[in-house]
């Protein structure tokens, strides 16, 4: 293998490891923060509000932030 291929494989491995790490960061919201998020989301429907009460990964939280900005 040439050196470019090795660098490419190492770079891809680092990206995968970082992605797995970010997706597994625990949700550190307190109970009151979760309830507050659920109350704010209630006009969008009870299912979305109930989803706010559970653990959520950073990608889900970022998606919600993007939706808020586009509304």
PDB file of N, CA and C in Angstrom:
ATOM      1  N   UNK A   1       0.841  -1.179   0.000  1.00  0.00           N
ATOM      2  CA  UNK A   1       0.000   0.000   0.000  1.00  0.00           C
ATOM      3  C   UNK A   1       0.886   1.243   0.000  1.00  0.00           C
ATOM      4  N   UNK A   2       0.441   2.233  -0.707  1.00  0.00           N
ATOM      5  CA  UNK A   2       1.213   3.466  -0.687  1.00  0.00           C
ATOM      6  C   UNK A   2       0.797   4.313   0.518  1.00  0.00           C
ATOM      7  N   UNK A   3       1.535   5.361   0.769  1.00  0.00           N
ATOM      8  CA  UNK A   3       1.318   6.161   1.980  1.00  0.00           C
ATOM      9  C   UNK A   3      -0.006   6.929   1.933  1.00  0.00           C
ATOM     10  N   UNK A   4      -0.482   7.305   0.752  1.00  0.00           N
ATOM     11  CA  UNK A   4      -1.759   8.023   0.668  1.00  0.00           C
ATOM     12  C   UNK A   4      -2.911   7.146   1.137  1.00  0.00           C
ATOM     13  N   UNK A   5      -2.885   5.897   0.772  1.00  0.00           N
ATOM     14  CA  UNK A   5      -3.946   4.981   1.180  1.00  0.00           C
ATOM     15  C   UNK A   5      -3.938   4.782   2.691  1.00  0.00           C
ATOM     16  N   UNK A   6      -2.754   4.690   3.267  1.00  0.00           N
ATOM     17  CA  UNK A   6      -2.653   4.520   4.720  1.00  0.00           C
ATOM     18  C   UNK A   6      -3.201   5.753   5.427  1.00  0.00           C
ATOM     19  N   UNK A   7      -2.835   6.941   4.957  1.00  0.00           N
ATOM     20  CA  UNK A   7      -3.350   8.173   5.565  1.00  0.00           C
ATOM     21  C   UNK A   7      -4.871   8.254   5.425  1.00  0.00           C
ATOM     22  N   UNK A   8      -5.384   7.825   4.302  1.00  0.00           N
ATOM     23  CA  UNK A   8      -6.827   7.838   4.076  1.00  0.00           C
ATOM     24  C   UNK A   8      -7.531   6.890   5.046  1.00  0.00           C
ATOM     25  N   UNK A   9      -7.001   5.712   5.233  1.00  0.00           N
ATOM     26  CA  UNK A   9      -7.591   4.746   6.164  1.00  0.00           C
ATOM     27  C   UNK A   9      -7.531   5.250   7.601  1.00  0.00           C
ATOM     28  N   UNK A  10      -6.407   5.830   7.986  1.00  0.00           N
ATOM     29  CA  UNK A  10      -6.272   6.358   9.347  1.00  0.00           C
ATOM     30  C   UNK A  10      -7.247   7.516   9.557  1.00  0.00           C
ATOM     31  N   UNK A  11      -7.359   8.392   8.572  1.00  0.00           N
ATOM     32  CA  UNK A  11      -8.301   9.512   8.663  1.00  0.00           C
ATOM     33  C   UNK A  11      -9.737   9.035   8.770  1.00  0.00           C
ATOM     34  N   UNK A  12     -10.103   8.041   7.979  1.00  0.00           N
ATOM     35  CA  UNK A  12     -11.456   7.491   8.030  1.00  0.00           C
ATOM     36  C   UNK A  12     -11.730   6.838   9.386  1.00  0.00           C
ATOM     37  N   UNK A  13     -10.742   6.141   9.922  1.00  0.00           N
ATOM     38  CA  UNK A  13     -10.906   5.508  11.237  1.00  0.00           C
ATOM     39  C   UNK A  13     -11.108   6.562  12.322  1.00  0.00           C
ATOM     40  N   UNK A  14     -10.376   7.651  12.252  1.00  0.00           N
ATOM     41  CA  UNK A  14     -10.522   8.719  13.244  1.00  0.00           C
ATOM     42  C   UNK A  14     -11.916   9.337  13.158  1.00  0.00           C
ATOM     43  N   UNK A  15     -12.406   9.563  11.943  1.00  0.00           N
ATOM     44  CA  UNK A  15     -13.744  10.129  11.766  1.00  0.00           C
ATOM     45  C   UNK A  15     -14.805   9.192  12.336  1.00  0.00           C
ATOM     46  N   UNK A  16     -14.672   7.914  12.091  1.00  0.00           N
ATOM     47  CA  UNK A  16     -15.633   6.938  12.604  1.00  0.00           C
ATOM     48  C   UNK A  16     -15.598   6.902  14.130  1.00  0.00           C
ATOM     49  N   UNK A  17     -14.425   6.899  14.717  1.00  0.00           N
ATOM     50  CA  UNK A  17     -14.300   6.873  16.179  1.00  0.00           C
ATOM     51  C   UNK A  17     -14.925   8.125  16.785  1.00  0.00           C
ATOM     52  N   UNK A  18     -14.671   9.284  16.203  1.00  0.00           N
ATOM     53  CA  UNK A  18     -15.263  10.526  16.714  1.00  0.00           C
ATOM     54  C   UNK A  18     -16.780  10.510  16.573  1.00  0.00           C
ATOM     55  N   UNK A  19     -17.293   9.995  15.472  1.00  0.00           N
ATOM     56  CA  UNK A  19     -18.743   9.930  15.272  1.00  0.00           C
ATOM     57  C   UNK A  19     -19.398   9.023  16.311  1.00  0.00           C
ATOM     58  N   UNK A  20     -18.793   7.884  16.580  1.00  0.00           N
ATOM     59  CA  UNK A  20     -19.332   6.976  17.590  1.00  0.00           C
ATOM     60  C   UNK A  20     -19.298   7.641  18.964  1.00  0.00           C
ATOM     61  N   UNK A  21     -18.225   8.343  19.264  1.00  0.00           N
ATOM     62  CA  UNK A  21     -18.110   9.038  20.549  1.00  0.00           C
ATOM     63  C   UNK A  21     -19.198  10.099  20.689  1.00  0.00           C
ATOM     64  N   UNK A  22     -19.403  10.908  19.662  1.00  0.00           N
ATOM     65  CA  UNK A  22     -20.395  11.984  19.732  1.00  0.00           C
ATOM     66  C   UNK A  22     -21.813  11.419  19.842  1.00  0.00           C
ATOM     67  N   UNK A  23     -22.106  10.357  19.129  1.00  0.00           N
ATOM     68  CA  UNK A  23     -23.449   9.784  19.165  1.00  0.00           C
ATOM     69  C   UNK A  23     -23.760   9.095  20.493  1.00  0.00           C
ATOM     70  N   UNK A  24     -22.751   8.798  21.282  1.00  0.00           N
ATOM     71  CA  UNK A  24     -22.977   8.108  22.555  1.00  0.00           C
ATOM     72  C   UNK A  24     -22.810   9.010  23.767  1.00  0.00           C
ATOM     73  N   UNK A  25     -22.724  10.321  23.559  1.00  0.00           N
ATOM     74  CA  UNK A  25     -22.642  11.243  24.694  1.00  0.00           C
ATOM     75  C   UNK A  25     -23.976  11.189  25.434  1.00  0.00           C
ATOM     76  N   UNK A  26     -23.948  11.026  26.755  1.00  0.00           N
ATOM     77  CA  UNK A  26     -25.213  10.932  27.492  1.00  0.00           C
ATOM     78  C   UNK A  26     -25.945  12.272  27.538  1.00  0.00           C
ATOM     79  N   UNK A  27     -27.246  12.194  27.665  1.00  0.00           N
ATOM     80  CA  UNK A  27     -28.095  13.373  27.786  1.00  0.00           C
ATOM     81  C   UNK A  27     -28.034  13.832  29.241  1.00  0.00           C
ATOM     82  N   UNK A  28     -27.529  15.023  29.477  1.00  0.00           N
ATOM     83  CA  UNK A  28     -27.330  15.502  30.839  1.00  0.00           C
ATOM     84  C   UNK A  28     -28.369  16.533  31.281  1.00  0.00           C
ATOM     85  N   UNK A  29     -29.519  16.528  30.615  1.00  0.00           N
ATOM     86  CA  UNK A  29     -30.575  17.443  31.039  1.00  0.00           C
ATOM     87  C   UNK A  29     -31.188  16.948  32.335  1.00  0.00           C
ATOM     88  N   UNK A  30     -31.554  17.893  33.214  1.00  0.00           N
ATOM     89  CA  UNK A  30     -32.217  17.513  34.456  1.00  0.00           C
ATOM     90  C   UNK A  30     -33.681  17.216  34.162  1.00  0.00           C
ATOM     91  N   UNK A  31     -34.365  16.700  35.153  1.00  0.00           N
ATOM     92  CA  UNK A  31     -35.778  16.384  34.977  1.00  0.00           C
ATOM     93  C   UNK A  31     -36.612  17.608  34.654  1.00  0.00           C
ATOM     94  N   UNK A  32     -36.300  18.725  35.308  1.00  0.00           N
ATOM     95  CA  UNK A  32     -37.066  19.944  35.042  1.00  0.00           C
ATOM     96  C   UNK A  32     -36.802  20.474  33.635  1.00  0.00           C
ATOM     97  N   UNK A  33     -35.578  20.319  33.142  1.00  0.00           N
ATOM     98  CA  UNK A  33     -35.273  20.737  31.776  1.00  0.00           C
ATOM     99  C   UNK A  33     -36.031  19.886  30.766  1.00  0.00           C
ATOM    100  N   UNK A  34     -36.131  18.594  31.046  1.00  0.00           N
ATOM    101  CA  UNK A  34     -36.863  17.697  30.149  1.00  0.00           C
ATOM    102  C   UNK A  34     -38.349  18.058  30.109  1.00  0.00           C
ATOM    103  N   UNK A  35     -38.911  18.326  31.285  1.00  0.00           N
ATOM    104  CA  UNK A  35     -40.324  18.697  31.341  1.00  0.00           C
ATOM    105  C   UNK A  35     -40.540  20.034  30.629  1.00  0.00           C
ATOM    106  N   UNK A  36     -39.634  20.983  30.831  1.00  0.00           N
ATOM    107  CA  UNK A  36     -39.737  22.268  30.154  1.00  0.00           C
ATOM    108  C   UNK A  36     -39.678  22.123  28.642  1.00  0.00           C
ATOM    109  N   UNK A  37     -38.775  21.270  28.162  1.00  0.00           N
ATOM    110  CA  UNK A  37     -38.692  21.014  26.716  1.00  0.00           C
ATOM    111  C   UNK A  37     -39.979  20.365  26.203  1.00  0.00           C
ATOM    112  N   UNK A  38     -40.550  19.456  27.004  1.00  0.00           N
ATOM    113  CA  UNK A  38     -41.793  18.789  26.595  1.00  0.00           C
ATOM    114  C   UNK A  38     -42.941  19.792  26.525  1.00  0.00           C
ATOM    115  N   UNK A  39     -42.996  20.702  27.486  1.00  0.00           N
ATOM    116  CA  UNK A  39     -44.066  21.708  27.491  1.00  0.00           C
ATOM    117  C   UNK A  39     -43.927  22.634  26.287  1.00  0.00           C
ATOM    118  N   UNK A  40     -42.702  23.021  25.955  1.00  0.00           N
ATOM    119  CA  UNK A  40     -42.482  23.888  24.797  1.00  0.00           C
ATOM    120  C   UNK A  40     -42.849  23.193  23.494  1.00  0.00           C
ATOM    121  N   UNK A  41     -42.700  21.878  23.449  1.00  0.00           N
ATOM    122  CA  UNK A  41     -42.949  21.111  22.233  1.00  0.00           C
ATOM    123  C   UNK A  41     -44.396  20.646  22.139  1.00  0.00           C
ATOM    124  N   UNK A  42     -45.173  20.790  23.184  1.00  0.00           N
ATOM    125  CA  UNK A  42     -46.548  20.298  23.219  1.00  0.00           C
ATOM    126  C   UNK A  42     -47.420  20.804  22.063  1.00  0.00           C
ATOM    127  N   UNK A  43     -47.308  22.062  21.613  1.00  0.00           N
ATOM    128  CA  UNK A  43     -48.131  22.487  20.476  1.00  0.00           C
ATOM    129  C   UNK A  43     -47.869  21.691  19.183  1.00  0.00           C
ATOM    130  N   UNK A  44     -46.721  21.055  19.072  1.00  0.00           N
ATOM    131  CA  UNK A  44     -46.397  20.255  17.891  1.00  0.00           C
ATOM    132  C   UNK A  44     -47.007  18.862  17.952  1.00  0.00           C
ATOM    133  N   UNK A  45     -47.588  18.511  19.088  1.00  0.00           N
ATOM    134  CA  UNK A  45     -48.243  17.216  19.237  1.00  0.00           C
ATOM    135  C   UNK A  45     -47.732  16.484  20.462  1.00  0.00           C
ATOM    136  N   UNK A  46     -48.578  15.630  21.021  1.00  0.00           N
ATOM    137  CA  UNK A  46     -48.183  14.918  22.246  1.00  0.00           C
ATOM    138  C   UNK A  46     -47.036  13.932  22.037  1.00  0.00           C
ATOM    139  N   UNK A  47     -46.929  13.353  20.835  1.00  0.00           N
ATOM    140  CA  UNK A  47     -45.838  12.399  20.596  1.00  0.00           C
ATOM    141  C   UNK A  47     -44.494  13.104  20.637  1.00  0.00           C
ATOM    142  N   UNK A  48     -44.392  14.276  19.993  1.00  0.00           N
ATOM    143  CA  UNK A  48     -43.130  15.020  20.017  1.00  0.00           C
ATOM    144  C   UNK A  48     -42.811  15.473  21.434  1.00  0.00           C
ATOM    145  N   UNK A  49     -43.844  15.862  22.189  1.00  0.00           N
ATOM    146  CA  UNK A  49     -43.623  16.286  23.571  1.00  0.00           C
ATOM    147  C   UNK A  49     -43.123  15.118  24.417  1.00  0.00           C
ATOM    148  N   UNK A  50     -43.695  13.938  24.210  1.00  0.00           N
ATOM    149  CA  UNK A  50     -43.260  12.758  24.963  1.00  0.00           C
ATOM    150  C   UNK A  50     -41.827  12.378  24.601  1.00  0.00           C
ATOM    151  N   UNK A  51     -41.445  12.595  23.351  1.00  0.00           N
ATOM    152  CA  UNK A  51     -40.071  12.292  22.927  1.00  0.00           C
ATOM    153  C   UNK A  51     -39.059  13.158  23.672  1.00  0.00           C
ATOM    154  N   UNK A  52     -39.459  14.342  24.081  1.00  0.00           N
ATOM    155  CA  UNK A  52     -38.558  15.245  24.798  1.00  0.00           C
ATOM    156  C   UNK A  52     -38.222  14.723  26.200  1.00  0.00           C
ATOM    157  N   UNK A  53     -39.052  13.851  26.742  1.00  0.00           N
ATOM    158  CA  UNK A  53     -38.834  13.353  28.098  1.00  0.00           C
ATOM    159  C   UNK A  53     -37.763  12.270  28.163  1.00  0.00           C
ATOM    160  N   UNK A  54     -37.495  11.601  27.067  1.00  0.00           N
ATOM    161  CA  UNK A  54     -36.510  10.523  27.053  1.00  0.00           C
ATOM    162  C   UNK A  54     -35.097  11.032  26.802  1.00  0.00           C
ATOM    163  N   UNK A  55     -34.141  10.127  26.898  1.00  0.00           N
ATOM    164  CA  UNK A  55     -32.753  10.464  26.577  1.00  0.00           C
ATOM    165  C   UNK A  55     -32.630  10.733  25.085  1.00  0.00           C
ATOM    166  N   UNK A  56     -31.852  11.746  24.750  1.00  0.00           N
ATOM    167  CA  UNK A  56     -31.670  12.118  23.351  1.00  0.00           C
ATOM    168  C   UNK A  56     -30.191  12.325  23.100  1.00  0.00           C
ATOM    169  N   UNK A  57     -29.744  11.933  21.912  1.00  0.00           N
ATOM    170  CA  UNK A  57     -28.333  12.124  21.575  1.00  0.00           C
ATOM    171  C   UNK A  57     -28.128  13.505  20.950  1.00  0.00           C
ATOM    172  N   UNK A  58     -26.904  13.948  20.824  1.00  0.00           N
ATOM    173  CA  UNK A  58     -26.632  15.289  20.306  1.00  0.00           C
ATOM    174  C   UNK A  58     -27.165  15.540  18.896  1.00  0.00           C
ATOM    175  N   UNK A  59     -27.243  14.515  18.073  1.00  0.00           N
ATOM    176  CA  UNK A  59     -27.744  14.695  16.712  1.00  0.00           C
ATOM    177  C   UNK A  59     -29.230  15.052  16.749  1.00  0.00           C
ATOM    178  N   UNK A  60     -29.989  14.390  17.617  1.00  0.00           N
ATOM    179  CA  UNK A  60     -31.406  14.704  17.751  1.00  0.00           C
ATOM    180  C   UNK A  60     -31.599  16.124  18.279  1.00  0.00           C
ATOM    181  N   UNK A  61     -30.779  16.518  19.251  1.00  0.00           N
ATOM    182  CA  UNK A  61     -30.879  17.870  19.792  1.00  0.00           C
ATOM    183  C   UNK A  61     -30.519  18.910  18.738  1.00  0.00           C
ATOM    184  N   UNK A  62     -29.523  18.645  17.932  1.00  0.00           N
ATOM    185  CA  UNK A  62     -29.142  19.573  16.865  1.00  0.00           C
ATOM    186  C   UNK A  62     -30.250  19.680  15.825  1.00  0.00           C
ATOM    187  N   UNK A  63     -30.887  18.572  15.515  1.00  0.00           N
ATOM    188  CA  UNK A  63     -32.005  18.595  14.575  1.00  0.00           C
ATOM    189  C   UNK A  63     -33.149  19.455  15.082  1.00  0.00           C
ATOM    190  N   UNK A  64     -33.423  19.366  16.380  1.00  0.00           N
ATOM    191  CA  UNK A  64     -34.468  20.208  16.967  1.00  0.00           C
ATOM    192  C   UNK A  64     -34.085  21.680  16.899  1.00  0.00           C
ATOM    193  N   UNK A  65     -32.828  21.983  17.152  1.00  0.00           N
ATOM    194  CA  UNK A  65     -32.372  23.376  17.091  1.00  0.00           C
ATOM    195  C   UNK A  65     -32.492  23.928  15.676  1.00  0.00           C
ATOM    196  N   UNK A  66     -32.185  23.101  14.684  1.00  0.00           N
ATOM    197  CA  UNK A  66     -32.307  23.526  13.294  1.00  0.00           C
ATOM    198  C   UNK A  66     -33.768  23.772  12.935  1.00  0.00           C
ATOM    199  N   UNK A  67     -34.659  22.888  13.394  1.00  0.00           N
ATOM    200  CA  UNK A  67     -36.082  23.073  13.132  1.00  0.00           C
ATOM    201  C   UNK A  67     -36.596  24.363  13.757  1.00  0.00           C
ATOM    202  N   UNK A  68     -36.117  24.692  14.971  1.00  0.00           N
ATOM    203  CA  UNK A  68     -36.548  25.923  15.624  1.00  0.00           C
ATOM    204  C   UNK A  68     -36.098  27.140  14.830  1.00  0.00           C
ATOM    205  N   UNK A  69     -34.900  27.102  14.285  1.00  0.00           N
ATOM    206  CA  UNK A  69     -34.375  28.237  13.518  1.00  0.00           C
ATOM    207  C   UNK A  69     -35.122  28.422  12.201  1.00  0.00           C
ATOM    208  N   UNK A  70     -35.587  27.325  11.601  1.00  0.00           N
ATOM    209  CA  UNK A  70     -36.266  27.439  10.311  1.00  0.00           C
ATOM    210  C   UNK A  70     -37.729  27.805  10.458  1.00  0.00           C
ATOM    211  N   UNK A  71     -38.295  27.656  11.652  1.00  0.00           N
ATOM    212  CA  UNK A  71     -39.715  28.008  11.865  1.00  0.00           C
ATOM    213  C   UNK A  71     -39.906  29.499  11.962  1.00  0.00           C
TER     214      UNK A  71
END
